[in-house]
Amino acid sequence: NSANEYWVKAASLLHTDTKGNDLPDPENVRFFLVSGAQHGTGNASSR
């Protein structure tokens, strides 16, 4: 996930319990944040 999913879609709930406590990774799943990224690749010449 990008940082955008953490800000707009509560992506942290993928890897926490419902109270926000860290959960250990399941044996078959890994989680990755692409630091500071938006939802896809933006155009740095446009607002």
ModelCIF file with pLDDT and N, C-alpha, C, O atoms, coordinates in Angstrom:
data_MODEL
#
_entry.id   MODEL 
#
_entity.id                         1 
_entity.type                       polymer 
_entity.pdbx_number_of_molecules   1 
#
_entity_poly.entity_id                      1 
_entity_poly.type                           'polypeptide(L)' 
_entity_poly.nstd_linkage                   no 
_entity_poly.nstd_monomer                   no 
_entity_poly.pdbx_seq_one_letter_code       NSANEYWVKAASLLHTDTKGNDLPDPENVRFFLVSGAQHGTGNASSR 
_entity_poly.pdbx_seq_one_letter_code_can   NSANEYWVKAASLLHTDTKGNDLPDPENVRFFLVSGAQHGTGNASSR 
_entity_poly.pdbx_strand_id                 A 
#
loop_
_entity_poly_seq.entity_id 
_entity_poly_seq.num 
_entity_poly_seq.mon_id 
_entity_poly_seq.hetero 
1 1  ASN n 
1 2  SER n 
1 3  ALA n 
1 4  ASN n 
1 5  GLU n 
1 6  TYR n 
1 7  TRP n 
1 8  VAL n 
1 9  LYS n 
1 10 ALA n 
1 11 ALA n 
1 12 SER n 
1 13 LEU n 
1 14 LEU n 
1 15 HIS n 
1 16 THR n 
1 17 ASP n 
1 18 THR n 
1 19 LYS n 
1 20 GLY n 
1 21 ASN n 
1 22 ASP n 
1 23 LEU n 
1 24 PRO n 
1 25 ASP n 
1 26 PRO n 
1 27 GLU n 
1 28 ASN n 
1 29 VAL n 
1 30 ARG n 
1 31 PHE n 
1 32 PHE n 
1 33 LEU n 
1 34 VAL n 
1 35 SER n 
1 36 GLY n 
1 37 ALA n 
1 38 GLN n 
1 39 HIS n 
1 40 GLY n 
1 41 THR n 
1 42 GLY n 
1 43 ASN n 
1 44 ALA n 
1 45 SER n 
1 46 SER n 
1 47 ARG n 
#
_struct_asym.id          A 
_struct_asym.entity_id   1 
#
loop_
_ma_qa_metric.id 
_ma_qa_metric.mode 
_ma_qa_metric.name 
_ma_qa_metric.software_group_id 
_ma_qa_metric.type 
1 global pLDDT . pLDDT 
2 local  pLDDT . pLDDT 
#
_ma_qa_metric_global.metric_id      1 
_ma_qa_metric_global.metric_value   97.74 
_ma_qa_metric_global.model_id       1 
_ma_qa_metric_global.ordinal_id     1 
#
loop_
_ma_qa_metric_local.label_asym_id 
_ma_qa_metric_local.label_comp_id 
_ma_qa_metric_local.label_seq_id 
_ma_qa_metric_local.metric_id 
_ma_qa_metric_local.metric_value 
_ma_qa_metric_local.model_id 
_ma_qa_metric_local.ordinal_id 
A ASN 1  2 98.00 1 1  
A SER 2  2 98.00 1 2  
A ALA 3  2 98.00 1 3  
A ASN 4  2 98.00 1 4  
A GLU 5  2 98.00 1 5  
A TYR 6  2 98.00 1 6  
A TRP 7  2 98.00 1 7  
A VAL 8  2 97.00 1 8  
A LYS 9  2 97.00 1 9  
A ALA 10 2 97.00 1 10 
A ALA 11 2 98.00 1 11 
A SER 12 2 98.00 1 12 
A LEU 13 2 98.00 1 13 
A LEU 14 2 98.00 1 14 
A HIS 15 2 98.00 1 15 
A THR 16 2 98.00 1 16 
A ASP 17 2 98.00 1 17 
A THR 18 2 98.00 1 18 
A LYS 19 2 97.00 1 19 
A GLY 20 2 98.00 1 20 
A ASN 21 2 98.00 1 21 
A ASP 22 2 98.00 1 22 
A LEU 23 2 98.00 1 23 
A PRO 24 2 98.00 1 24 
A ASP 25 2 98.00 1 25 
A PRO 26 2 98.00 1 26 
A GLU 27 2 98.00 1 27 
A ASN 28 2 98.00 1 28 
A VAL 29 2 98.00 1 29 
A ARG 30 2 98.00 1 30 
A PHE 31 2 98.00 1 31 
A PHE 32 2 98.00 1 32 
A LEU 33 2 98.00 1 33 
A VAL 34 2 98.00 1 34 
A SER 35 2 98.00 1 35 
A GLY 36 2 98.00 1 36 
A ALA 37 2 98.00 1 37 
A GLN 38 2 98.00 1 38 
A HIS 39 2 98.00 1 39 
A GLY 40 2 96.00 1 40 
A THR 41 2 97.00 1 41 
A GLY 42 2 97.00 1 42 
A ASN 43 2 97.00 1 43 
A ALA 44 2 97.00 1 44 
A SER 45 2 97.00 1 45 
A SER 46 2 97.00 1 46 
A ARG 47 2 98.00 1 47 
#
loop_
_atom_site.group_PDB 
_atom_site.id 
_atom_site.type_symbol 
_atom_site.label_atom_id 
_atom_site.label_alt_id 
_atom_site.label_comp_id 
_atom_site.label_asym_id 
_atom_site.label_entity_id 
_atom_site.label_seq_id 
_atom_site.pdbx_PDB_ins_code 
_atom_site.Cartn_x 
_atom_site.Cartn_y 
_atom_site.Cartn_z 
_atom_site.occupancy 
_atom_site.B_iso_or_equiv 
_atom_site.pdbx_formal_charge 
_atom_site.auth_seq_id 
_atom_site.auth_comp_id 
_atom_site.auth_asym_id 
_atom_site.auth_atom_id 
_atom_site.pdbx_PDB_model_num 
ATOM 1   N N  . ASN A 1 1  ? 0.824  -1.205  0.000   1.00 98.00 ? 1  ASN A N  1 
ATOM 2   C CA . ASN A 1 1  ? 0.000  0.000   0.000   1.00 98.00 ? 1  ASN A CA 1 
ATOM 3   C C  . ASN A 1 1  ? 0.857  1.253   0.000   1.00 98.00 ? 1  ASN A C  1 
ATOM 4   O O  . ASN A 1 1  ? 1.978  1.264   0.509   1.00 98.00 ? 1  ASN A O  1 
ATOM 5   N N  . SER A 1 2  ? 0.309  2.298   -0.577  1.00 98.00 ? 2  SER A N  1 
ATOM 6   C CA . SER A 1 2  ? 0.955  3.601   -0.513  1.00 98.00 ? 2  SER A CA 1 
ATOM 7   C C  . SER A 1 2  ? 0.577  4.278   0.797   1.00 98.00 ? 2  SER A C  1 
ATOM 8   O O  . SER A 1 2  ? -0.292 3.803   1.529   1.00 98.00 ? 2  SER A O  1 
ATOM 9   N N  . ALA A 1 3  ? 1.238  5.388   1.082   1.00 98.00 ? 3  ALA A N  1 
ATOM 10  C CA . ALA A 1 3  ? 0.867  6.171   2.259   1.00 98.00 ? 3  ALA A CA 1 
ATOM 11  C C  . ALA A 1 3  ? -0.570 6.658   2.156   1.00 98.00 ? 3  ALA A C  1 
ATOM 12  O O  . ALA A 1 3  ? -1.242 6.838   3.172   1.00 98.00 ? 3  ALA A O  1 
ATOM 13  N N  . ASN A 1 4  ? -1.037 6.869   0.948   1.00 98.00 ? 4  ASN A N  1 
ATOM 14  C CA . ASN A 1 4  ? -2.401 7.347   0.758   1.00 98.00 ? 4  ASN A CA 1 
ATOM 15  C C  . ASN A 1 4  ? -3.419 6.400   1.376   1.00 98.00 ? 4  ASN A C  1 
ATOM 16  O O  . ASN A 1 4  ? -4.395 6.853   1.976   1.00 98.00 ? 4  ASN A O  1 
ATOM 17  N N  . GLU A 1 5  ? -3.211 5.097   1.241   1.00 98.00 ? 5  GLU A N  1 
ATOM 18  C CA . GLU A 1 5  ? -4.161 4.129   1.803   1.00 98.00 ? 5  GLU A CA 1 
ATOM 19  C C  . GLU A 1 5  ? -4.211 4.206   3.325   1.00 98.00 ? 5  GLU A C  1 
ATOM 20  O O  . GLU A 1 5  ? -5.246 3.920   3.927   1.00 98.00 ? 5  GLU A O  1 
ATOM 21  N N  . TYR A 1 6  ? -3.097 4.593   3.951   1.00 98.00 ? 6  TYR A N  1 
ATOM 22  C CA . TYR A 1 6  ? -3.104 4.746   5.400   1.00 98.00 ? 6  TYR A CA 1 
ATOM 23  C C  . TYR A 1 6  ? -3.875 6.001   5.821   1.00 98.00 ? 6  TYR A C  1 
ATOM 24  O O  . TYR A 1 6  ? -4.521 6.019   6.869   1.00 98.00 ? 6  TYR A O  1 
ATOM 25  N N  . TRP A 1 7  ? -3.802 7.036   5.003   1.00 98.00 ? 7  TRP A N  1 
ATOM 26  C CA . TRP A 1 7  ? -4.482 8.288   5.330   1.00 98.00 ? 7  TRP A CA 1 
ATOM 27  C C  . TRP A 1 7  ? -5.958 8.276   4.919   1.00 98.00 ? 7  TRP A C  1 
ATOM 28  O O  . TRP A 1 7  ? -6.778 8.901   5.592   1.00 98.00 ? 7  TRP A O  1 
ATOM 29  N N  . VAL A 1 8  ? -6.310 7.594   3.851   1.00 97.00 ? 8  VAL A N  1 
ATOM 30  C CA . VAL A 1 8  ? -7.694 7.699   3.352   1.00 97.00 ? 8  VAL A CA 1 
ATOM 31  C C  . VAL A 1 8  ? -8.483 6.397   3.449   1.00 97.00 ? 8  VAL A C  1 
ATOM 32  O O  . VAL A 1 8  ? -9.702 6.422   3.281   1.00 97.00 ? 8  VAL A O  1 
ATOM 33  N N  . LYS A 1 9  ? -7.830 5.248   3.716   1.00 97.00 ? 9  LYS A N  1 
ATOM 34  C CA . LYS A 1 9  ? -8.556 3.976   3.740   1.00 97.00 ? 9  LYS A CA 1 
ATOM 35  C C  . LYS A 1 9  ? -8.186 3.092   4.938   1.00 97.00 ? 9  LYS A C  1 
ATOM 36  O O  . LYS A 1 9  ? -8.438 1.887   4.925   1.00 97.00 ? 9  LYS A O  1 
ATOM 37  N N  . ALA A 1 10 ? -7.593 3.691   5.963   1.00 97.00 ? 10 ALA A N  1 
ATOM 38  C CA . ALA A 1 10 ? -7.316 2.970   7.215   1.00 97.00 ? 10 ALA A CA 1 
ATOM 39  C C  . ALA A 1 10 ? -6.569 1.664   6.985   1.00 97.00 ? 10 ALA A C  1 
ATOM 40  O O  . ALA A 1 10 ? -6.932 0.628   7.543   1.00 97.00 ? 10 ALA A O  1 
ATOM 41  N N  . ALA A 1 11 ? -5.526 1.715   6.163   1.00 98.00 ? 11 ALA A N  1 
ATOM 42  C CA . ALA A 1 11 ? -4.791 0.501   5.795   1.00 98.00 ? 11 ALA A CA 1 
ATOM 43  C C  . ALA A 1 11 ? -4.109 -0.160  6.983   1.00 98.00 ? 11 ALA A C  1 
ATOM 44  O O  . ALA A 1 11 ? -3.801 -1.351  6.927   1.00 98.00 ? 11 ALA A O  1 
ATOM 45  N N  . SER A 1 12 ? -3.867 0.584   8.053   1.00 98.00 ? 12 SER A N  1 
ATOM 46  C CA . SER A 1 12 ? -3.192 -0.033  9.200   1.00 98.00 ? 12 SER A CA 1 
ATOM 47  C C  . SER A 1 12 ? -3.999 -1.186  9.785   1.00 98.00 ? 12 SER A C  1 
ATOM 48  O O  . SER A 1 12 ? -3.430 -2.071  10.424  1.00 98.00 ? 12 SER A O  1 
ATOM 49  N N  . LEU A 1 13 ? -5.315 -1.192  9.577   1.00 98.00 ? 13 LEU A N  1 
ATOM 50  C CA . LEU A 1 13 ? -6.152 -2.268  10.105  1.00 98.00 ? 13 LEU A CA 1 
ATOM 51  C C  . LEU A 1 13 ? -5.862 -3.611  9.451   1.00 98.00 ? 13 LEU A C  1 
ATOM 52  O O  . LEU A 1 13 ? -6.316 -4.647  9.937   1.00 98.00 ? 13 LEU A O  1 
ATOM 53  N N  . LEU A 1 14 ? -5.109 -3.606  8.353   1.00 98.00 ? 14 LEU A N  1 
ATOM 54  C CA . LEU A 1 14 ? -4.663 -4.865  7.749   1.00 98.00 ? 14 LEU A CA 1 
ATOM 55  C C  . LEU A 1 14 ? -3.756 -5.647  8.695   1.00 98.00 ? 14 LEU A C  1 
ATOM 56  O O  . LEU A 1 14 ? -3.762 -6.878  8.683   1.00 98.00 ? 14 LEU A O  1 
ATOM 57  N N  . HIS A 1 15 ? -2.982 -4.944  9.508   1.00 98.00 ? 15 HIS A N  1 
ATOM 58  C CA . HIS A 1 15 ? -1.972 -5.618  10.319  1.00 98.00 ? 15 HIS A CA 1 
ATOM 59  C C  . HIS A 1 15 ? -2.087 -5.284  11.806  1.00 98.00 ? 15 HIS A C  1 
ATOM 60  O O  . HIS A 1 15 ? -1.113 -5.404  12.550  1.00 98.00 ? 15 HIS A O  1 
ATOM 61  N N  . THR A 1 16 ? -3.288 -4.860  12.239  1.00 98.00 ? 16 THR A N  1 
ATOM 62  C CA . THR A 1 16 ? -3.541 -4.637  13.663  1.00 98.00 ? 16 THR A CA 1 
ATOM 63  C C  . THR A 1 16 ? -4.868 -5.273  14.045  1.00 98.00 ? 16 THR A C  1 
ATOM 64  O O  . THR A 1 16 ? -5.646 -5.691  13.188  1.00 98.00 ? 16 THR A O  1 
ATOM 65  N N  . ASP A 1 17 ? -5.112 -5.339  15.352  1.00 98.00 ? 17 ASP A N  1 
ATOM 66  C CA . ASP A 1 17 ? -6.459 -5.685  15.777  1.00 98.00 ? 17 ASP A CA 1 
ATOM 67  C C  . ASP A 1 17 ? -7.320 -4.436  15.701  1.00 98.00 ? 17 ASP A C  1 
ATOM 68  O O  . ASP A 1 17 ? -6.846 -3.379  15.285  1.00 98.00 ? 17 ASP A O  1 
ATOM 69  N N  . THR A 1 18 ? -8.576 -4.548  16.099  1.00 98.00 ? 18 THR A N  1 
ATOM 70  C CA . THR A 1 18 ? -9.492 -3.422  15.906  1.00 98.00 ? 18 THR A CA 1 
ATOM 71  C C  . THR A 1 18 ? -9.234 -2.266  16.868  1.00 98.00 ? 18 THR A C  1 
ATOM 72  O O  . THR A 1 18 ? -9.823 -1.194  16.729  1.00 98.00 ? 18 THR A O  1 
ATOM 73  N N  . LYS A 1 19 ? -8.348 -2.487  17.849  1.00 97.00 ? 19 LYS A N  1 
ATOM 74  C CA . LYS A 1 19 ? -7.960 -1.419  18.758  1.00 97.00 ? 19 LYS A CA 1 
ATOM 75  C C  . LYS A 1 19 ? -6.617 -0.798  18.380  1.00 97.00 ? 19 LYS A C  1 
ATOM 76  O O  . LYS A 1 19 ? -6.077 0.026   19.119  1.00 97.00 ? 19 LYS A O  1 
ATOM 77  N N  . GLY A 1 20 ? -6.086 -1.196  17.236  1.00 98.00 ? 20 GLY A N  1 
ATOM 78  C CA . GLY A 1 20 ? -4.837 -0.617  16.757  1.00 98.00 ? 20 GLY A CA 1 
ATOM 79  C C  . GLY A 1 20 ? -3.587 -1.274  17.282  1.00 98.00 ? 20 GLY A C  1 
ATOM 80  O O  . GLY A 1 20 ? -2.493 -0.741  17.093  1.00 98.00 ? 20 GLY A O  1 
ATOM 81  N N  . ASN A 1 21 ? -3.709 -2.429  17.943  1.00 98.00 ? 21 ASN A N  1 
ATOM 82  C CA . ASN A 1 21 ? -2.530 -3.129  18.453  1.00 98.00 ? 21 ASN A CA 1 
ATOM 83  C C  . ASN A 1 21 ? -1.898 -3.980  17.356  1.00 98.00 ? 21 ASN A C  1 
ATOM 84  O O  . ASN A 1 21 ? -2.598 -4.631  16.580  1.00 98.00 ? 21 ASN A O  1 
ATOM 85  N N  . ASP A 1 22 ? -0.574 -3.967  17.302  1.00 98.00 ? 22 ASP A N  1 
ATOM 86  C CA . ASP A 1 22 ? 0.141  -4.738  16.289  1.00 98.00 ? 22 ASP A CA 1 
ATOM 87  C C  . ASP A 1 22 ? -0.218 -6.216  16.373  1.00 98.00 ? 22 ASP A C  1 
ATOM 88  O O  . ASP A 1 22 ? -0.352 -6.771  17.464  1.00 98.00 ? 22 ASP A O  1 
ATOM 89  N N  . LEU A 1 23 ? -0.371 -6.847  15.210  1.00 98.00 ? 23 LEU A N  1 
ATOM 90  C CA . LEU A 1 23 ? -0.549 -8.292  15.123  1.00 98.00 ? 23 LEU A CA 1 
ATOM 91  C C  . LEU A 1 23 ? 0.692  -8.902  14.481  1.00 98.00 ? 23 LEU A C  1 
ATOM 92  O O  . LEU A 1 23 ? 1.294  -8.282  13.605  1.00 98.00 ? 23 LEU A O  1 
ATOM 93  N N  . PRO A 1 24 ? 1.086  -10.101 14.896  1.00 98.00 ? 24 PRO A N  1 
ATOM 94  C CA . PRO A 1 24 ? 2.171  -10.788 14.186  1.00 98.00 ? 24 PRO A CA 1 
ATOM 95  C C  . PRO A 1 24 ? 1.718  -11.160 12.782  1.00 98.00 ? 24 PRO A C  1 
ATOM 96  O O  . PRO A 1 24 ? 0.535  -11.418 12.556  1.00 98.00 ? 24 PRO A O  1 
ATOM 97  N N  . ASP A 1 25 ? 2.647  -11.188 11.844  1.00 98.00 ? 25 ASP A N  1 
ATOM 98  C CA . ASP A 1 25 ? 2.303  -11.555 10.470  1.00 98.00 ? 25 ASP A CA 1 
ATOM 99  C C  . ASP A 1 25 ? 1.838  -13.008 10.412  1.00 98.00 ? 25 ASP A C  1 
ATOM 100 O O  . ASP A 1 25 ? 2.458  -13.871 11.033  1.00 98.00 ? 25 ASP A O  1 
ATOM 101 N N  . PRO A 1 26 ? 0.767  -13.294 9.683   1.00 98.00 ? 26 PRO A N  1 
ATOM 102 C CA . PRO A 1 26 ? 0.438  -14.687 9.407   1.00 98.00 ? 26 PRO A CA 1 
ATOM 103 C C  . PRO A 1 26 ? 1.565  -15.342 8.607   1.00 98.00 ? 26 PRO A C  1 
ATOM 104 O O  . PRO A 1 26 ? 2.354  -14.648 7.966   1.00 98.00 ? 26 PRO A O  1 
ATOM 105 N N  . GLU A 1 27 ? 1.640  -16.649 8.643   1.00 98.00 ? 27 GLU A N  1 
ATOM 106 C CA . GLU A 1 27 ? 2.714  -17.350 7.931   1.00 98.00 ? 27 GLU A CA 1 
ATOM 107 C C  . GLU A 1 27 ? 2.692  -17.081 6.437   1.00 98.00 ? 27 GLU A C  1 
ATOM 108 O O  . GLU A 1 27 ? 3.733  -17.153 5.785   1.00 98.00 ? 27 GLU A O  1 
ATOM 109 N N  . ASN A 1 28 ? 1.521  -16.770 5.881   1.00 98.00 ? 28 ASN A N  1 
ATOM 110 C CA . ASN A 1 28 ? 1.387  -16.662 4.423   1.00 98.00 ? 28 ASN A CA 1 
ATOM 111 C C  . ASN A 1 28 ? 1.234  -15.236 3.919   1.00 98.00 ? 28 ASN A C  1 
ATOM 112 O O  . ASN A 1 28 ? 0.969  -15.041 2.732   1.00 98.00 ? 28 ASN A O  1 
ATOM 113 N N  . VAL A 1 29 ? 1.393  -14.222 4.780   1.00 98.00 ? 29 VAL A N  1 
ATOM 114 C CA . VAL A 1 29 ? 1.129  -12.841 4.360   1.00 98.00 ? 29 VAL A CA 1 
ATOM 115 C C  . VAL A 1 29 ? 2.258  -11.925 4.817   1.00 98.00 ? 29 VAL A C  1 
ATOM 116 O O  . VAL A 1 29 ? 2.784  -12.064 5.921   1.00 98.00 ? 29 VAL A O  1 
ATOM 117 N N  . ARG A 1 30 ? 2.623  -10.980 3.939   1.00 98.00 ? 30 ARG A N  1 
ATOM 118 C CA . ARG A 1 30 ? 3.557  -9.919  4.281   1.00 98.00 ? 30 ARG A CA 1 
ATOM 119 C C  . ARG A 1 30 ? 2.934  -8.574  3.893   1.00 98.00 ? 30 ARG A C  1 
ATOM 120 O O  . ARG A 1 30 ? 2.136  -8.488  2.960   1.00 98.00 ? 30 ARG A O  1 
ATOM 121 N N  . PHE A 1 31 ? 3.314  -7.534  4.627   1.00 98.00 ? 31 PHE A N  1 
ATOM 122 C CA . PHE A 1 31 ? 2.713  -6.213  4.465   1.00 98.00 ? 31 PHE A CA 1 
ATOM 123 C C  . PHE A 1 31 ? 3.800  -5.174  4.185   1.00 98.00 ? 31 PHE A C  1 
ATOM 124 O O  . PHE A 1 31 ? 4.856  -5.178  4.818   1.00 98.00 ? 31 PHE A O  1 
ATOM 125 N N  . PHE A 1 32 ? 3.527  -4.287  3.228   1.00 98.00 ? 32 PHE A N  1 
ATOM 126 C CA . PHE A 1 32 ? 4.524  -3.289  2.845   1.00 98.00 ? 32 PHE A CA 1 
ATOM 127 C C  . PHE A 1 32 ? 3.856  -1.928  2.645   1.00 98.00 ? 32 PHE A C  1 
ATOM 128 O O  . PHE A 1 32 ? 2.841  -1.817  1.956   1.00 98.00 ? 32 PHE A O  1 
ATOM 129 N N  . LEU A 1 33 ? 4.429  -0.914  3.246   1.00 98.00 ? 33 LEU A N  1 
ATOM 130 C CA . LEU A 1 33 ? 4.073  0.476   2.977   1.00 98.00 ? 33 LEU A CA 1 
ATOM 131 C C  . LEU A 1 33 ? 5.119  1.067   2.047   1.00 98.00 ? 33 LEU A C  1 
ATOM 132 O O  . LEU A 1 33 ? 6.315  0.980   2.325   1.00 98.00 ? 33 LEU A O  1 
ATOM 133 N N  . VAL A 1 34 ? 4.683  1.666   0.950   1.00 98.00 ? 34 VAL A N  1 
ATOM 134 C CA . VAL A 1 34 ? 5.582  2.439   0.106   1.00 98.00 ? 34 VAL A CA 1 
ATOM 135 C C  . VAL A 1 34 ? 5.595  3.854   0.674   1.00 98.00 ? 34 VAL A C  1 
ATOM 136 O O  . VAL A 1 34 ? 4.661  4.628   0.467   1.00 98.00 ? 34 VAL A O  1 
ATOM 137 N N  . SER A 1 35 ? 6.652  4.175   1.383   1.00 98.00 ? 35 SER A N  1 
ATOM 138 C CA . SER A 1 35 ? 6.709  5.401   2.179   1.00 98.00 ? 35 SER A CA 1 
ATOM 139 C C  . SER A 1 35 ? 6.455  6.632   1.321   1.00 98.00 ? 35 SER A C  1 
ATOM 140 O O  . SER A 1 35 ? 7.048  6.802   0.256   1.00 98.00 ? 35 SER A O  1 
ATOM 141 N N  . GLY A 1 36 ? 5.562  7.485   1.809   1.00 98.00 ? 36 GLY A N  1 
ATOM 142 C CA . GLY A 1 36 ? 5.352  8.787   1.199   1.00 98.00 ? 36 GLY A CA 1 
ATOM 143 C C  . GLY A 1 36 ? 4.736  8.775   -0.172  1.00 98.00 ? 36 GLY A C  1 
ATOM 144 O O  . GLY A 1 36 ? 4.759  9.804   -0.847  1.00 98.00 ? 36 GLY A O  1 
ATOM 145 N N  . ALA A 1 37 ? 4.176  7.649   -0.628  1.00 98.00 ? 37 ALA A N  1 
ATOM 146 C CA . ALA A 1 37 ? 3.619  7.574   -1.982  1.00 98.00 ? 37 ALA A CA 1 
ATOM 147 C C  . ALA A 1 37 ? 2.138  7.911   -1.985  1.00 98.00 ? 37 ALA A C  1 
ATOM 148 O O  . ALA A 1 37 ? 1.440  7.680   -0.997  1.00 98.00 ? 37 ALA A O  1 
ATOM 149 N N  . GLN A 1 38 ? 1.662  8.452   -3.088  1.00 98.00 ? 38 GLN A N  1 
ATOM 150 C CA . GLN A 1 38 ? 0.238  8.678   -3.264  1.00 98.00 ? 38 GLN A CA 1 
ATOM 151 C C  . GLN A 1 38 ? -0.388 7.439   -3.905  1.00 98.00 ? 38 GLN A C  1 
ATOM 152 O O  . GLN A 1 38 ? 0.289  6.428   -4.093  1.00 98.00 ? 38 GLN A O  1 
ATOM 153 N N  . HIS A 1 39 ? -1.662 7.515   -4.235  1.00 98.00 ? 39 HIS A N  1 
ATOM 154 C CA . HIS A 1 39 ? -2.382 6.396   -4.835  1.00 98.00 ? 39 HIS A CA 1 
ATOM 155 C C  . HIS A 1 39 ? -2.013 6.330   -6.324  1.00 98.00 ? 39 HIS A C  1 
ATOM 156 O O  . HIS A 1 39 ? -2.693 6.907   -7.173  1.00 98.00 ? 39 HIS A O  1 
ATOM 157 N N  . GLY A 1 40 ? -0.919 5.613   -6.620  1.00 96.00 ? 40 GLY A N  1 
ATOM 158 C CA . GLY A 1 40 ? -0.399 5.589   -7.983  1.00 96.00 ? 40 GLY A CA 1 
ATOM 159 C C  . GLY A 1 40 ? 0.653  6.672   -8.170  1.00 96.00 ? 40 GLY A C  1 
ATOM 160 O O  . GLY A 1 40 ? 1.031  7.361   -7.223  1.00 96.00 ? 40 GLY A O  1 
ATOM 161 N N  . THR A 1 41 ? 1.118  6.810   -9.406  1.00 97.00 ? 41 THR A N  1 
ATOM 162 C CA . THR A 1 41 ? 2.195  7.754   -9.717  1.00 97.00 ? 41 THR A CA 1 
ATOM 163 C C  . THR A 1 41 ? 1.610  9.065   -10.208 1.00 97.00 ? 41 THR A C  1 
ATOM 164 O O  . THR A 1 41 ? 0.873  9.088   -11.194 1.00 97.00 ? 41 THR A O  1 
ATOM 165 N N  . GLY A 1 42 ? 1.933  10.158  -9.527  1.00 97.00 ? 42 GLY A N  1 
ATOM 166 C CA . GLY A 1 42 ? 1.395  11.458  -9.899  1.00 97.00 ? 42 GLY A CA 1 
ATOM 167 C C  . GLY A 1 42 ? 2.285  12.213  -10.866 1.00 97.00 ? 42 GLY A C  1 
ATOM 168 O O  . GLY A 1 42 ? 3.429  11.835  -11.117 1.00 97.00 ? 42 GLY A O  1 
ATOM 169 N N  . ASN A 1 43 ? 1.733  13.287  -11.401 1.00 97.00 ? 43 ASN A N  1 
ATOM 170 C CA . ASN A 1 43 ? 2.436  14.170  -12.331 1.00 97.00 ? 43 ASN A CA 1 
ATOM 171 C C  . ASN A 1 43 ? 2.979  15.361  -11.548 1.00 97.00 ? 43 ASN A C  1 
ATOM 172 O O  . ASN A 1 43 ? 2.218  16.229  -11.121 1.00 97.00 ? 43 ASN A O  1 
ATOM 173 N N  . ALA A 1 44 ? 4.285  15.396  -11.364 1.00 97.00 ? 44 ALA A N  1 
ATOM 174 C CA . ALA A 1 44 ? 4.902  16.428  -10.527 1.00 97.00 ? 44 ALA A CA 1 
ATOM 175 C C  . ALA A 1 44 ? 4.862  17.814  -11.152 1.00 97.00 ? 44 ALA A C  1 
ATOM 176 O O  . ALA A 1 44 ? 5.312  18.780  -10.536 1.00 97.00 ? 44 ALA A O  1 
ATOM 177 N N  . SER A 1 45 ? 4.335  17.929  -12.354 1.00 97.00 ? 45 SER A N  1 
ATOM 178 C CA . SER A 1 45 ? 4.202  19.258  -12.968 1.00 97.00 ? 45 SER A CA 1 
ATOM 179 C C  . SER A 1 45 ? 2.764  19.772  -12.888 1.00 97.00 ? 45 SER A C  1 
ATOM 180 O O  . SER A 1 45 ? 2.451  20.833  -13.429 1.00 97.00 ? 45 SER A O  1 
ATOM 181 N N  . SER A 1 46 ? 1.890  19.019  -12.213 1.00 97.00 ? 46 SER A N  1 
ATOM 182 C CA . SER A 1 46 ? 0.478  19.391  -12.165 1.00 97.00 ? 46 SER A CA 1 
ATOM 183 C C  . SER A 1 46 ? -0.048 19.319  -10.729 1.00 97.00 ? 46 SER A C  1 
ATOM 184 O O  . SER A 1 46 ? 0.332  18.445  -9.949  1.00 97.00 ? 46 SER A O  1 
ATOM 185 N N  . ARG A 1 47 ? -0.934 20.264  -10.408 1.00 98.00 ? 47 ARG A N  1 
ATOM 186 C CA . ARG A 1 47 ? -1.618 20.241  -9.119  1.00 98.00 ? 47 ARG A CA 1 
ATOM 187 C C  . ARG A 1 47 ? -2.992 19.596  -9.211  1.00 98.00 ? 47 ARG A C  1 
ATOM 188 O O  . ARG A 1 47 ? -3.697 19.501  -8.206  1.00 98.00 ? 47 ARG A O  1 
#
